[in-house]
C-alpha atoms as a PDB file:
ATOM      1  CA  MET A   1      -0.153   0.050   0.271  1.00  0.00           C
ATOM      2  CA  ALA A   2       1.425   3.254  -0.709  1.00  0.00           C
ATOM      3  CA  TYR A   3       1.465   6.299   1.773  1.00  0.00           C
ATOM      4  CA  SER A   4       1.235   9.939   1.829  1.00  0.00           C
ATOM      5  CA  THR A   5       3.502  12.140   3.799  1.00  0.00           C
ATOM      6  CA  GLY A   6       0.167  12.861   5.913  1.00  0.00           C
ATOM      7  CA  MET A   7       0.158   9.284   7.523  1.00  0.00           C
ATOM      8  CA  LEU A   8       3.640   9.338   8.657  1.00  0.00           C
ATOM      9  CA  ARG A   9       2.370  11.213  11.994  1.00  0.00           C
ATOM     10  CA  HIS A  10       3.880   8.937  14.366  1.00  0.00           C
ATOM     11  CA  ARG A  11       6.947   9.221  16.155  1.00  0.00           C
ATOM     12  CA  VAL A  12       9.161   5.353  15.973  1.00  0.00           C
ATOM     13  CA  THR A  13      11.823   4.438  18.137  1.00  0.00           C
ATOM     14  CA  ILE A  14      14.083   1.637  16.194  1.00  0.00           C
ATOM     15  CA  MET A  15      16.209  -0.407  18.882  1.00  0.00           C
ATOM     16  CA  ASN A  16      18.541  -2.710  17.403  1.00  0.00           C
ATOM     17  CA  LYS A  17      20.553  -6.028  19.304  1.00  0.00           C
ATOM     18  CA  VAL A  18      23.480  -5.241  21.137  1.00  0.00           C
ATOM     19  CA  VAL A  19      25.862  -8.087  20.733  1.00  0.00           C
ATOM     20  CA  ALA A  20      28.601  -8.212  23.448  1.00  0.00           C
ATOM     21  CA  THR A  21      29.720 -11.496  24.198  1.00  0.00           C
ATOM     22  CA  GLN A  22      32.339 -13.663  22.732  1.00  0.00           C
ATOM     23  CA  PHE A  23      29.254 -16.125  21.850  1.00  0.00           C
ATOM     24  CA  GLY A  24      26.989 -13.830  19.993  1.00  0.00           C
ATOM     25  CA  GLU A  25      24.507 -13.416  23.003  1.00  0.00           C
ATOM     26  CA  THR A  26      22.523 -10.492  22.704  1.00  0.00           C
ATOM     27  CA  THR A  27      22.712  -8.750  25.843  1.00  0.00           C
ATOM     28  CA  GLY A  28      19.920  -5.927  24.913  1.00  0.00           C
ATOM     29  CA  TYR A  29      18.666  -3.695  22.633  1.00  0.00           C
ATOM     30  CA  GLN A  30      19.462  -0.321  22.086  1.00  0.00           C
ATOM     31  CA  ASP A  31      18.079   3.164  20.417  1.00  0.00           C
ATOM     32  CA  ALA A  32      19.501   3.449  17.074  1.00  0.00           C
ATOM     33  CA  GLY A  33      17.311   6.287  15.755  1.00  0.00           C
ATOM     34  CA  THR A  34      13.850   7.624  15.570  1.00  0.00           C
ATOM     35  CA  VAL A  35      11.595   7.716  12.176  1.00  0.00           C
ATOM     36  CA  TRP A  36       8.187   9.040  11.193  1.00  0.00           C
ATOM     37  CA  ALA A  37       5.956   6.137  10.752  1.00  0.00           C
ATOM     38  CA  ALA A  38       2.231   5.386  10.400  1.00  0.00           C
ATOM     39  CA  VAL A  39       0.931   2.902  12.640  1.00  0.00           C
ATOM     40  CA  ASP A  40      -2.176   1.394  12.462  1.00  0.00           C
ATOM     41  CA  PHE A  41      -4.048  -1.207  14.876  1.00  0.00           C
ATOM     42  CA  GLN A  42      -5.600  -4.325  13.409  1.00  0.00           C
ATOM     43  CA  ARG A  43      -9.436  -4.291  14.608  1.00  0.00           C
ATOM     44  CA  GLY A  44     -12.117  -6.047  13.543  1.00  0.00           C
ATOM     45  CA  MET A  45     -13.420  -9.678  11.903  1.00  0.00           C
ATOM     46  CA  LYS A  46      -9.243  -9.317  10.203  1.00  0.00           C
ATOM     47  CA  ARG A  47      -7.573  -9.199  13.266  1.00  0.00           C
ATOM     48  CA  LEU A  48     -10.009 -12.022  14.971  1.00  0.00           C
ATOM     49  CA  ALA A  49      -9.412 -13.909  11.942  1.00  0.00           C
ATOM     50  CA  GLU A  50      -5.617 -13.835  12.929  1.00  0.00           C
ATOM     51  CA  GLY A  51      -5.927 -14.977  16.572  1.00  0.00           C
ATOM     52  CA  ALA A  52      -7.026 -11.627  18.712  1.00  0.00           C
ATOM     53  CA  LEU A  53      -8.416 -14.073  21.282  1.00  0.00           C
ATOM     54  CA  ASP A  54      -4.500 -14.167  22.957  1.00  0.00           C
ATOM     55  CA  GLY A  55      -5.057 -10.730  23.844  1.00  0.00           C
ATOM     56  CA  THR A  56      -2.038  -9.090  22.007  1.00  0.00           C
ATOM     57  CA  ASP A  57      -1.515  -6.296  19.933  1.00  0.00           C
ATOM     58  CA  TYR A  58      -0.339  -6.631  16.173  1.00  0.00           C
ATOM     59  CA  VAL A  59      -0.201  -3.214  14.784  1.00  0.00           C
ATOM     60  CA  VAL A  60       1.175  -2.301  10.790  1.00  0.00           C
ATOM     61  CA  ILE A  61       4.111   0.146  10.510  1.00  0.00           C
ATOM     62  CA  ARG A  62       4.836   2.087   7.510  1.00  0.00           C
ATOM     63  CA  MET A  63       7.863   4.090   6.623  1.00  0.00           C
ATOM     64  CA  ARG A  64      10.026   5.389   4.547  1.00  0.00           C
ATOM     65  CA  TRP A  65      13.068   2.971   3.686  1.00  0.00           C
ATOM     66  CA  ASN A  66      16.042   2.950   5.237  1.00  0.00           C
ATOM     67  CA  SER A  67      19.158   1.518   6.508  1.00  0.00           C
ATOM     68  CA  ILE A  68      18.492   1.071  10.365  1.00  0.00           C
ATOM     69  CA  VAL A  69      15.620  -1.357  11.092  1.00  0.00           C
ATOM     70  CA  LYS A  70      15.990  -5.240  10.625  1.00  0.00           C
ATOM     71  CA  ARG A  71      14.377  -7.588  11.088  1.00  0.00           C
ATOM     72  CA  ASP A  72      15.433  -8.496  14.221  1.00  0.00           C
ATOM     73  CA  SER A  73      14.948  -4.699  16.325  1.00  0.00           C
ATOM     74  CA  GLN A  74      12.305  -4.173  18.035  1.00  0.00           C
ATOM     75  CA  LEU A  75      10.019  -0.740  17.627  1.00  0.00           C
ATOM     76  CA  VAL A  76       8.959   1.760  20.226  1.00  0.00           C
ATOM     77  CA  SER A  77       5.713   3.807  19.690  1.00  0.00           C
ATOM     78  CA  ASP A  78       3.883   5.386  22.189  1.00  0.00           C
ATOM     79  CA  GLY A  79       5.597   3.859  24.839  1.00  0.00           C
ATOM     80  CA  VAL A  80       4.925   0.382  23.646  1.00  0.00           C
ATOM     81  CA  THR A  81       7.513  -2.017  22.468  1.00  0.00           C
ATOM     82  CA  TYR A  82       6.437  -3.992  19.213  1.00  0.00           C
ATOM     83  CA  GLN A  83       8.785  -6.971  18.475  1.00  0.00           C
ATOM     84  CA  ILE A  84       9.096  -7.517  14.668  1.00  0.00           C
ATOM     85  CA  THR A  85       7.022 -10.464  12.856  1.00  0.00           C
ATOM     86  CA  GLU A  86       6.927  -9.725   9.492  1.00  0.00           C
ATOM     87  CA  PHE A  87       9.219  -7.106   7.866  1.00  0.00           C
ATOM     88  CA  HIS A  88       8.475  -6.361   3.942  1.00  0.00           C
ATOM     89  CA  SER A  89      11.454  -3.486   2.216  1.00  0.00           C
ATOM     90  CA  ASP A  90      11.351  -1.809  -1.254  1.00  0.00           C
ATOM     91  CA  LYS A  91      14.482   0.478  -1.251  1.00  0.00           C
ATOM     92  CA  TYR A  92      13.024   0.965  -4.971  1.00  0.00           C
ATOM     93  CA  ASP A  93       8.820   2.346  -3.418  1.00  0.00           C
ATOM     94  CA  ASN A  94      10.634   4.041  -0.759  1.00  0.00           C
ATOM     95  CA  ILE A  95       9.111   1.988   1.776  1.00  0.00           C
ATOM     96  CA  ILE A  96       9.358  -0.326   4.915  1.00  0.00           C
ATOM     97  CA  GLN A  97       6.093  -2.007   5.308  1.00  0.00           C
ATOM     98  CA  ILE A  98       6.623  -4.083   9.322  1.00  0.00           C
ATOM     99  CA  LYS A  99       3.711  -6.408  11.117  1.00  0.00           C
ATOM    100  CA  ALA A 100       4.519  -6.180  14.935  1.00  0.00           C
ATOM    101  CA  GLN A 101       3.345  -8.074  17.990  1.00  0.00           C
ATOM    102  CA  GLU A 102       3.115  -5.763  21.244  1.00  0.00           C
ATOM    103  CA  ILE A 103       5.946  -7.651  23.852  1.00  0.00           C
ATOM    104  CA  VAL A 104       3.845  -8.297  27.313  1.00  0.00           C
ATOM    105  CA  LYS A 105       6.656  -7.442  30.105  1.00  0.00           C
END
C-alpha cells in the first residue's frame, strides 16, 4: 500500500540488538534512531481471524525506507514496545512495511 507524507504522523524509535559477548549472545537493545511512521492497529474481523483472542496487539507500521531497521529490531511507539513478525522492505518504492506484535513484559 502506498502512503502519503500526511500518514507518517507517529514517532517510532528503532532499537537494534547489542551483541557484547564472545559467543554472540544478545545482551539487550539500544536506540538506533527515531523515524516518522504510520502506525495502524489491526481491528475487527480481520484481527479476530488472525487470533486476537490471545490478548496481544498487532500493528502495521509503515515508514520510509532506511537502513537502520532490521528484521530482529524492536520498535517503540507511544511507550509500547513491539517485536517484528513480518518485514517487507522495498528500496525502489521507498517504503518499509512491518507487522509487529506487542511485547508483554
